[in-house]
Amino acid sequence: MIQRLLKFLDASPVNFFAVKNLSEELLKAGFRRLNPQEPIGKVQAGDKFFVTKNDSSIYAFQIGSKPLADAGFRMICAHCDSPTFRVKPNAEIGCEGGIVKLNTEVYGGPIMSTWFDRPLTLAGRVIVKGEDVMNPRTLLLHVKRPLLQISNLAIHFNREVNDGVKLSKQKDMLPILGIINNELEQGNLLMNLICEELAIQREDILDFDLYLADAMPACTFGVHNELISSGRLDDLSMCYAGLEALLGSPEADVTKVLAIFDNEETGSQTKQGAGSPFLGSMLKRIAWAQSGTEEAFYQAVERAFMVSADNAHAWHPNYSEKYDPTNHPVLGGGPVIKFNAAQKYASDAVSAAVFAEICRKAGVPSQRFVNHSDVAGGSTLGNILASSIPLRGVDMGNAILAMHSCRETGSVADHTYCVKAFTQFFSGMA
C-alpha cells in the first residue's frame, strides 16, 4: 500500500498530473468518464462514473443500491494542489555569464527556505493550437530529471543567515535554469526545452501553466522505515487514501462520492475549487436523472455525510510550546479530527463522534487537534463546501510535520489507518 502511495506522489508533481493519474485508476476500475456538457442519462444502482473540471479537479460517483433520496451519499473530499512556485509569462531573465533564471510567483503559502539548494523540475500543462480556437489542445509536461535550483547566498555574504532572514519572493526565490551555449538559445532556453520534451513546434504553443516541483523521489525513512518523506503529502496522501477506499470498499446502499478539488491553497474560490457550485450541480443532476425530481437532491443532502480530508499538524518534538497542551496529535496515532471555535473546520461534537465511531469499527485509533489558543491556525475546504451544500461533516486528516515545506513528513501507519477508516465509511455499514 505504501509503495503505491509513493509511486502516486512521484507521478503527481502538480494538480494536473494528480487528476490524470486518478482518472486512469478509475478507468481501470470500471468507472466511465462523463462529459459534463452532455446529459447524464439514466442512473442506476451500481453505476460508476467520474467527471473532471479544468483538468485539475475530479469527482467520482458510485451509485448505491438505494435511491439517493432514501440513503443519501457519503462523500470524501480532498485537494490536489500544494504550495509551490508558478512560472510567469516571459519568464527568462538573462544574467551575467550567460546564466538564465526564471521569473516565478508564489502559489499558496510555502515554507520558502525549504526550496533552496535542492534539485527541482518543471511540471504542468502546455496549451497548443487546436482545430477550434475556442478549444485548444492541452499537453501535460513533467520534466523527469533535475532541471532547476534556487541557490542560497553564501554565509560569507550573509552572516546573519542562521539568525533568520526575511526572503523576497521576487528576488530570492528565482531558480537557475541553466547557462546558454550560443546566441540561438538567448531568450529561448525554456521554450526550446518545452518543444523538445513534448515534440512540438514553438509556433504551436499558445500558453502554459507550469510550476516548480521537487525532483527527488518520495521515500520512507526511520529505523523501521516508519516515516514518509515527500513533497505534497498535503494533500495528495488524502486524495490517494480516498481513491483506495473507493476502489476497495464493497458495493453499498449509499452513493459514494470522491471529490478532489483544486486551489484549496489559494482559497478555493475558483470554478474547480470547493467554493464552486460545480459539485452541487453534478449531484443535483444525478439525483434528477435517478428520480426525475429535484426534491431527491435536497433529501439526499439531509441524509449525507462529508469527510473533509486535509492533513493535520503532528506534534513536533522540537517545538512543543506551539501546540495545545491536551490536543496535540502524534505521528502514528491515527486519523486526526480537527476542531476550531471560529468555525474554520466543519467538525462539531456530532460529526466528530460519528467519525470517531467509524474509526473504532475499522479497528483504527483516532486523535483530536485544536490549535494552541495563542497560535492562529489555517482553514480547509470543509466549511467552504458546507456553505454552498449544507452537509453534515467532519474535518480530519493524517498528522504530518513541516506542513507546506518542499518535503513534508508523515507516518506509514497513519496512511494504513486512514485507508481502513475511509473504507469503513464507504462500506455503508458504519
Protein backbone atom coordinates (compact mmCIF):
# COMPACT_ATOMS: atom_id res chain seq x y z
CA MET A 1 0.00 0.00 0.00
CA ILE A 2 2.78 2.48 0.91
CA GLN A 3 4.67 1.73 -2.29
CA ARG A 4 1.52 2.59 -4.26
CA LEU A 5 1.29 5.89 -2.40
CA LEU A 6 4.96 6.73 -3.07
CA LYS A 7 4.51 5.89 -6.75
CA PHE A 8 1.46 8.15 -6.94
CA LEU A 9 3.31 11.01 -5.24
CA ASP A 10 6.23 10.75 -7.66
CA ALA A 11 3.90 10.64 -10.66
CA SER A 12 1.86 13.64 -9.46
CA PRO A 13 4.21 16.65 -9.25
CA VAL A 14 1.30 19.07 -9.76
CA ASN A 15 -2.50 19.06 -9.73
CA PHE A 16 -2.91 18.22 -13.44
CA PHE A 17 -0.91 15.01 -13.09
CA ALA A 18 -2.74 14.05 -9.90
CA VAL A 19 -6.07 14.26 -11.76
CA LYS A 20 -4.64 12.38 -14.75
CA ASN A 21 -3.39 9.57 -12.51
CA LEU A 22 -6.61 9.37 -10.51
CA SER A 23 -8.58 9.25 -13.77
CA GLU A 24 -6.51 6.36 -15.07
CA GLU A 25 -7.03 4.38 -11.85
CA LEU A 26 -10.78 4.97 -12.02
CA LEU A 27 -10.93 3.89 -15.66
CA LYS A 28 -9.04 0.69 -14.85
CA ALA A 29 -11.57 0.01 -12.08
CA GLY A 30 -14.51 0.23 -14.49
CA PHE A 31 -15.57 3.84 -13.97
CA ARG A 32 -16.64 5.69 -17.11
CA ARG A 33 -15.74 9.28 -17.88
CA LEU A 34 -18.67 11.65 -18.28
CA ASN A 35 -18.63 14.85 -20.30
CA PRO A 36 -20.43 17.45 -18.15
CA GLN A 37 -21.52 19.21 -21.35
CA GLU A 38 -23.72 16.23 -22.21
CA PRO A 39 -26.82 14.76 -20.48
CA ILE A 40 -26.01 12.27 -17.73
CA GLY A 41 -28.65 9.80 -18.88
CA LYS A 42 -30.42 7.22 -16.74
CA VAL A 43 -28.67 6.49 -13.44
CA GLN A 44 -28.99 3.03 -11.90
CA ALA A 45 -27.65 1.24 -8.83
CA GLY A 46 -24.07 0.16 -9.33
CA ASP A 47 -23.24 2.79 -11.95
CA LYS A 48 -19.69 4.17 -11.64
CA PHE A 49 -18.58 7.34 -13.38
CA PHE A 50 -16.47 10.48 -12.94
CA VAL A 51 -16.05 13.98 -14.33
CA THR A 52 -13.18 16.45 -14.32
CA LYS A 53 -13.07 20.23 -14.31
CA ASN A 54 -10.20 22.31 -15.71
CA ASP A 55 -8.03 19.17 -15.84
CA SER A 56 -7.26 19.91 -12.18
CA SER A 57 -10.23 18.63 -10.15
CA ILE A 58 -12.05 15.31 -10.31
CA TYR A 59 -15.34 13.97 -8.95
CA ALA A 60 -16.13 10.23 -8.84
CA PHE A 61 -19.54 8.71 -8.10
CA GLN A 62 -20.64 5.15 -7.37
CA ILE A 63 -24.41 4.84 -7.17
CA GLY A 64 -25.74 2.86 -4.21
CA SER A 65 -28.44 0.19 -4.18
CA LYS A 66 -30.93 2.55 -2.51
CA PRO A 67 -32.20 5.77 -4.14
CA LEU A 68 -30.31 8.90 -3.21
CA ALA A 69 -33.42 10.36 -1.62
CA ASP A 70 -33.62 7.41 0.79
CA ALA A 71 -29.96 6.71 1.60
CA GLY A 72 -28.16 9.95 0.79
CA PHE A 73 -24.50 9.88 -0.09
CA ARG A 74 -21.14 9.56 1.64
CA MET A 75 -18.52 11.98 0.45
CA ILE A 76 -14.76 12.17 0.93
CA CYS A 77 -13.26 15.49 -0.13
CA ALA A 78 -9.60 16.44 -0.52
CA HIS A 79 -7.50 18.77 -2.65
CA CYS A 80 -4.75 18.09 -5.17
CA ASP A 81 -2.90 21.42 -5.17
CA SER A 82 0.10 22.20 -2.97
CA PRO A 83 2.18 25.32 -2.28
CA THR A 84 4.80 25.90 -4.94
CA PHE A 85 6.06 28.49 -7.43
CA ARG A 86 4.34 29.28 -10.73
CA VAL A 87 6.37 30.25 -13.77
CA LYS A 88 5.39 33.69 -15.05
CA PRO A 89 4.91 34.56 -18.73
CA ASN A 90 8.06 35.88 -20.41
CA ALA A 91 9.88 34.03 -17.68
CA GLU A 92 13.51 34.01 -18.80
CA ILE A 93 15.85 36.51 -17.17
CA GLY A 94 19.33 36.63 -18.70
CA CYS A 95 22.21 37.31 -16.30
CA GLU A 96 25.96 37.81 -16.46
CA GLY A 97 27.92 34.80 -17.60
CA GLY A 98 25.02 33.51 -19.68
CA ILE A 99 23.12 32.29 -16.63
CA VAL A 100 19.35 32.18 -17.15
CA LYS A 101 16.93 32.28 -14.25
CA LEU A 102 13.15 32.01 -14.35
CA ASN A 103 10.73 34.64 -13.13
CA THR A 104 8.22 32.98 -10.79
CA GLU A 105 5.46 33.88 -8.36
CA VAL A 106 4.44 32.11 -5.17
CA TYR A 107 1.44 29.78 -5.27
CA GLY A 108 -0.14 29.22 -1.85
CA GLY A 109 1.91 29.51 1.33
CA PRO A 110 5.15 27.53 1.03
CA ILE A 111 7.96 27.50 3.59
CA MET A 112 10.19 29.24 1.10
CA SER A 113 13.54 28.45 2.71
CA THR A 114 12.94 24.70 2.21
CA TRP A 115 13.10 25.19 -1.57
CA PHE A 116 16.74 26.31 -1.51
CA ASP A 117 19.65 24.19 -2.75
CA ARG A 118 17.69 21.16 -3.85
CA PRO A 119 17.15 19.76 -7.37
CA LEU A 120 13.87 20.97 -8.80
CA THR A 121 11.98 20.33 -12.00
CA LEU A 122 9.07 21.71 -14.03
CA ALA A 123 5.60 20.26 -14.39
CA GLY A 124 2.20 21.45 -15.56
CA ARG A 125 0.28 21.89 -18.77
CA VAL A 126 1.07 23.48 -22.12
CA ILE A 127 -1.72 24.83 -24.29
CA VAL A 128 -1.24 24.37 -28.04
CA LYS A 129 -3.25 25.20 -31.14
CA GLY A 130 -6.25 23.04 -31.94
CA GLU A 131 -8.72 22.87 -34.80
CA ASP A 132 -11.08 25.22 -32.96
CA VAL A 133 -9.85 28.49 -31.44
CA MET A 134 -12.29 28.02 -28.54
CA ASN A 135 -10.93 24.56 -27.78
CA PRO A 136 -7.12 24.46 -27.89
CA ARG A 137 -5.31 21.24 -27.06
CA THR A 138 -3.76 20.57 -23.65
CA LEU A 139 -0.49 18.68 -23.25
CA LEU A 140 0.94 17.72 -19.87
CA LEU A 141 4.61 18.35 -19.18
CA HIS A 142 6.75 16.72 -16.50
CA VAL A 143 10.50 17.02 -16.95
CA LYS A 144 11.66 13.87 -15.19
CA ARG A 145 15.15 14.99 -14.25
CA PRO A 146 16.73 17.64 -12.04
CA LEU A 147 16.36 20.84 -14.05
CA LEU A 148 16.50 23.90 -11.79
CA GLN A 149 17.79 25.06 -8.45
CA ILE A 150 17.19 28.03 -6.16
CA SER A 151 20.64 28.65 -4.71
CA ASN A 152 21.33 30.22 -1.33
CA LEU A 153 23.63 33.18 -0.85
CA ALA A 154 26.88 32.02 0.77
CA ILE A 155 27.11 32.63 4.52
CA HIS A 156 30.21 34.76 3.88
CA PHE A 157 27.92 37.40 2.29
CA ASN A 158 25.11 36.95 4.78
CA ARG A 159 26.49 36.32 8.25
CA GLU A 160 23.03 36.62 9.83
CA VAL A 161 21.51 33.84 7.72
CA ASN A 162 21.21 31.49 10.73
CA ASP A 163 19.53 34.20 12.79
CA GLY A 164 16.53 34.39 10.48
CA VAL A 165 16.37 36.24 7.18
CA LYS A 166 13.35 37.81 5.53
CA LEU A 167 13.08 36.43 2.00
CA SER A 168 11.92 38.39 -1.03
CA LYS A 169 9.58 36.39 -3.26
CA GLN A 170 10.72 38.39 -6.29
CA LYS A 171 14.47 38.46 -5.62
CA ASP A 172 15.49 35.45 -3.55
CA MET A 173 13.22 32.74 -4.91
CA LEU A 174 14.09 32.74 -8.64
CA PRO A 175 15.51 29.40 -9.84
CA ILE A 176 18.50 28.96 -12.16
CA LEU A 177 17.50 27.18 -15.36
CA GLY A 178 20.95 26.89 -16.96
CA ILE A 179 23.67 28.61 -18.96
CA ILE A 180 23.21 29.46 -22.63
CA ASN A 181 25.63 27.83 -25.05
CA ASN A 182 25.05 30.02 -28.11
CA GLU A 183 23.18 33.06 -29.36
CA LEU A 184 20.29 30.94 -30.66
CA GLU A 185 19.48 29.97 -27.07
CA GLN A 186 19.26 33.60 -25.95
CA GLY A 187 15.68 34.08 -24.69
CA ASN A 188 14.72 30.61 -25.93
CA LEU A 189 16.01 28.23 -23.27
CA LEU A 190 12.64 27.48 -21.67
CA MET A 191 10.65 27.30 -24.90
CA ASN A 192 13.27 25.07 -26.51
CA LEU A 193 13.02 22.74 -23.54
CA ILE A 194 9.21 22.59 -23.78
CA CYS A 195 9.33 21.87 -27.51
CA GLU A 196 11.92 19.14 -27.05
CA GLU A 197 10.07 17.45 -24.18
CA LEU A 198 6.70 17.46 -25.97
CA ALA A 199 7.95 17.08 -29.56
CA ILE A 200 6.04 20.15 -30.73
CA GLN A 201 6.78 23.31 -32.68
CA ARG A 202 7.22 26.62 -30.92
CA GLU A 203 4.67 28.37 -33.13
CA ASP A 204 2.01 25.95 -31.90
CA ILE A 205 2.44 26.94 -28.23
CA LEU A 206 -0.24 29.35 -27.05
CA ASP A 207 0.37 29.44 -23.28
CA PHE A 208 1.26 27.30 -20.28
CA ASP A 209 0.61 26.68 -16.58
CA LEU A 210 3.97 25.48 -15.29
CA TYR A 211 5.15 25.05 -11.69
CA LEU A 212 8.28 24.08 -9.80
CA ALA A 213 8.38 20.67 -8.13
CA ASP A 214 10.88 18.71 -6.06
CA ALA A 215 12.84 16.40 -8.35
CA MET A 216 13.76 13.91 -5.62
CA PRO A 217 11.50 10.85 -5.23
CA ALA A 218 9.29 10.19 -2.24
CA CYS A 219 10.70 7.69 0.24
CA THR A 220 10.30 6.12 3.65
CA PHE A 221 12.85 6.65 6.43
CA GLY A 222 13.42 5.92 10.11
CA VAL A 223 14.90 2.91 11.89
CA HIS A 224 11.83 0.86 10.95
CA ASN A 225 11.00 2.74 7.74
CA GLU A 226 8.03 4.02 9.66
CA LEU A 227 8.04 7.57 8.30
CA ILE A 228 7.33 9.07 4.88
CA SER A 229 9.29 11.94 3.32
CA SER A 230 7.77 13.61 0.28
CA GLY A 231 6.54 16.80 -1.20
CA ARG A 232 2.77 17.27 -1.48
CA LEU A 233 1.70 14.89 1.29
CA ASP A 234 -0.66 17.80 1.95
CA ASP A 235 -2.95 16.80 0.40
CA LEU A 236 -2.17 14.09 -2.15
CA SER A 237 -1.91 11.48 0.59
CA MET A 238 -5.57 12.09 1.43
CA CYS A 239 -6.53 12.03 -2.25
CA TYR A 240 -4.95 8.63 -2.68
CA ALA A 241 -6.36 7.25 0.56
CA GLY A 242 -9.82 8.26 -0.68
CA LEU A 243 -9.22 6.55 -4.01
CA GLU A 244 -8.03 3.32 -2.38
CA ALA A 245 -11.09 3.29 -0.14
CA LEU A 246 -13.46 3.95 -3.04
CA LEU A 247 -12.00 1.15 -5.13
CA GLY A 248 -11.52 -1.23 -2.20
CA SER A 249 -14.91 -0.92 -0.49
CA PRO A 250 -17.82 -3.25 -1.33
CA GLU A 251 -20.97 -2.13 -3.10
CA ALA A 252 -23.25 -0.37 -0.64
CA ASP A 253 -26.75 1.02 -0.26
CA VAL A 254 -25.39 4.59 -0.07
CA THR A 255 -23.96 6.51 -3.03
CA LYS A 256 -20.21 7.10 -2.70
CA VAL A 257 -18.61 10.36 -3.78
CA LEU A 258 -14.90 11.16 -4.01
CA ALA A 259 -14.38 14.88 -4.68
CA ILE A 260 -10.83 16.12 -5.30
CA PHE A 261 -10.76 19.91 -5.57
CA ASP A 262 -8.13 22.34 -6.79
CA ASN A 263 -7.00 25.71 -5.43
CA GLU A 264 -7.54 24.99 -1.73
CA GLU A 265 -4.17 26.58 -1.04
CA THR A 266 -5.39 29.88 -2.52
CA GLY A 267 -8.89 29.99 -1.01
CA SER A 268 -10.97 27.56 -3.12
CA GLN A 269 -12.87 30.36 -4.91
CA THR A 270 -12.46 29.06 -8.46
CA LYS A 271 -14.59 27.02 -10.85
CA GLN A 272 -12.59 23.93 -9.84
CA GLY A 273 -12.39 24.77 -6.12
CA ALA A 274 -14.58 23.82 -3.18
CA GLY A 275 -16.28 27.23 -3.38
CA SER A 276 -17.62 26.43 -6.84
CA PRO A 277 -21.24 25.24 -7.38
CA PHE A 278 -19.95 22.57 -9.78
CA LEU A 279 -20.14 19.59 -7.38
CA GLY A 280 -23.57 20.64 -6.13
CA SER A 281 -24.88 20.92 -9.68
CA MET A 282 -23.50 17.47 -10.54
CA LEU A 283 -25.16 15.90 -7.51
CA LYS A 284 -28.41 17.63 -8.38
CA ARG A 285 -28.22 16.33 -11.96
CA ILE A 286 -27.52 12.81 -10.72
CA ALA A 287 -30.44 12.90 -8.29
CA TRP A 288 -32.72 14.19 -11.04
CA ALA A 289 -31.50 11.53 -13.50
CA GLN A 290 -32.22 8.82 -10.92
CA SER A 291 -35.59 10.01 -9.61
CA GLY A 292 -36.94 12.55 -12.07
CA THR A 293 -37.38 15.12 -9.29
CA GLU A 294 -35.20 17.90 -7.89
CA GLU A 295 -36.55 17.16 -4.42
CA ALA A 296 -34.46 13.97 -4.30
CA PHE A 297 -31.27 16.05 -4.20
CA TYR A 298 -32.37 18.01 -1.14
CA GLN A 299 -33.43 14.83 0.64
CA ALA A 300 -30.06 13.26 -0.19
CA VAL A 301 -28.18 16.27 1.23
CA GLU A 302 -30.03 15.93 4.53
CA ARG A 303 -29.01 12.26 4.73
CA ALA A 304 -25.43 12.83 3.57
CA PHE A 305 -22.15 12.90 5.47
CA MET A 306 -18.96 14.58 4.31
CA VAL A 307 -15.40 13.78 5.34
CA SER A 308 -13.19 16.76 4.55
CA ALA A 309 -9.78 15.11 4.42
CA ASP A 310 -6.87 17.53 4.77
CA ASN A 311 -3.72 16.83 6.72
CA ALA A 312 -3.29 17.95 10.33
CA HIS A 313 -0.29 19.17 12.32
CA ALA A 314 1.67 16.48 14.14
CA TRP A 315 3.32 17.30 17.46
CA HIS A 316 6.90 18.43 16.76
CA PRO A 317 9.46 17.24 19.36
CA ASN A 318 11.47 20.48 19.00
CA TYR A 319 8.56 22.90 19.37
CA SER A 320 6.16 21.51 21.95
CA GLU A 321 5.27 25.03 23.13
CA LYS A 322 3.47 25.70 19.83
CA TYR A 323 0.82 23.05 20.49
CA ASP A 324 -2.31 22.85 22.59
CA PRO A 325 -1.38 21.17 25.91
CA THR A 326 -4.10 18.48 25.71
CA ASN A 327 -4.91 18.14 21.99
CA HIS A 328 -1.72 17.58 20.02
CA PRO A 329 -1.79 14.52 17.73
CA VAL A 330 1.34 12.46 17.14
CA LEU A 331 2.75 10.66 14.14
CA GLY A 332 1.40 7.11 14.00
CA GLY A 333 -1.51 7.85 16.33
CA GLY A 334 -4.25 7.54 13.71
CA PRO A 335 -6.55 9.95 11.84
CA VAL A 336 -6.96 13.38 13.43
CA ILE A 337 -10.33 15.07 13.96
CA LYS A 338 -9.88 18.85 13.78
CA PHE A 339 -11.81 21.45 15.81
CA ASN A 340 -11.91 25.24 15.72
CA ALA A 341 -14.18 27.55 17.72
CA ALA A 342 -14.09 30.15 14.92
CA GLN A 343 -15.62 27.55 12.57
CA LYS A 344 -12.60 27.20 10.30
CA TYR A 345 -13.33 23.48 10.40
CA ALA A 346 -16.64 21.72 9.76
CA SER A 347 -16.34 19.42 12.79
CA ASP A 348 -18.74 19.63 15.69
CA ALA A 349 -19.43 17.22 18.55
CA VAL A 350 -21.94 15.20 16.49
CA SER A 351 -19.85 14.81 13.34
CA ALA A 352 -16.70 14.13 15.38
CA ALA A 353 -18.49 11.41 17.30
CA VAL A 354 -19.65 9.84 14.04
CA PHE A 355 -16.17 9.74 12.55
CA ALA A 356 -14.55 8.51 15.77
CA GLU A 357 -17.03 5.62 15.81
CA ILE A 358 -16.24 4.85 12.17
CA CYS A 359 -12.57 4.62 13.13
CA ARG A 360 -13.40 2.38 16.08
CA LYS A 361 -15.39 0.00 13.87
CA ALA A 362 -12.49 -0.10 11.42
CA GLY A 363 -10.11 -1.01 14.27
CA VAL A 364 -8.27 2.30 13.90
CA PRO A 365 -7.22 4.78 16.62
CA SER A 366 -8.23 8.43 16.26
CA GLN A 367 -6.91 11.70 17.68
CA ARG A 368 -8.05 15.30 18.22
CA PHE A 369 -6.41 18.52 17.13
CA VAL A 370 -7.18 22.01 18.42
CA ASN A 371 -4.89 24.99 17.90
CA HIS A 372 -2.93 26.47 20.77
CA SER A 373 -5.13 29.44 21.67
CA ASP A 374 -2.27 31.90 21.10
CA VAL A 375 -1.35 30.43 17.68
CA ALA A 376 -3.55 31.17 14.68
CA GLY A 377 -4.35 28.15 12.56
CA GLY A 378 -5.30 27.62 8.93
CA SER A 379 -8.57 26.59 7.35
CA THR A 380 -9.57 23.99 4.79
CA LEU A 381 -12.28 23.13 2.30
CA GLY A 382 -14.87 21.52 4.61
CA ASN A 383 -16.63 24.65 5.81
CA ILE A 384 -16.30 26.28 2.37
CA LEU A 385 -18.11 23.39 0.72
CA ALA A 386 -20.69 23.22 3.52
CA SER A 387 -21.54 26.88 2.95
CA SER A 388 -22.90 26.02 -0.51
CA ILE A 389 -24.16 22.47 0.18
CA PRO A 390 -25.41 22.26 3.80
CA LEU A 391 -23.70 18.97 4.56
CA ARG A 392 -23.16 17.37 7.92
CA GLY A 393 -19.47 16.65 8.06
CA VAL A 394 -16.13 16.45 9.80
CA ASP A 395 -12.71 17.91 9.09
CA MET A 396 -9.91 15.41 9.58
CA GLY A 397 -6.54 14.37 8.22
CA ASN A 398 -3.38 12.49 8.98
CA ALA A 399 -0.81 14.20 11.20
CA ILE A 400 2.30 15.44 9.38
CA LEU A 401 5.36 17.53 10.21
CA ALA A 402 6.61 20.56 8.25
CA MET A 403 3.30 21.24 6.51
CA HIS A 404 3.88 23.37 3.38
CA SER A 405 7.57 22.52 3.29
CA CYS A 406 9.07 21.40 -0.01
CA ARG A 407 9.21 17.98 1.73
CA GLU A 408 6.80 17.02 4.47
CA THR A 409 6.95 14.10 6.92
CA GLY A 410 4.14 11.64 7.55
CA SER A 411 3.59 8.21 9.08
CA VAL A 412 3.34 4.86 7.30
CA ALA A 413 0.94 3.55 9.96
CA ASP A 414 -1.31 6.60 9.67
CA HIS A 415 -1.80 6.10 5.93
CA THR A 416 -2.85 2.50 6.51
CA TYR A 417 -5.18 3.58 9.31
CA CYS A 418 -6.75 6.24 7.11
CA VAL A 419 -7.47 3.87 4.23
CA LYS A 420 -9.13 1.45 6.66
CA ALA A 421 -11.30 4.20 8.14
CA PHE A 422 -12.29 5.54 4.73
CA THR A 423 -13.13 2.02 3.53
CA GLN A 424 -15.36 1.52 6.55
CA PHE A 425 -17.03 4.87 5.84
CA PHE A 426 -17.69 3.99 2.20
CA SER A 427 -18.93 0.48 3.03
CA GLY A 428 -22.28 1.85 4.18
CA MET A 429 -22.13 -0.32 7.30
CA ALA A 430 -20.64 2.22 9.70
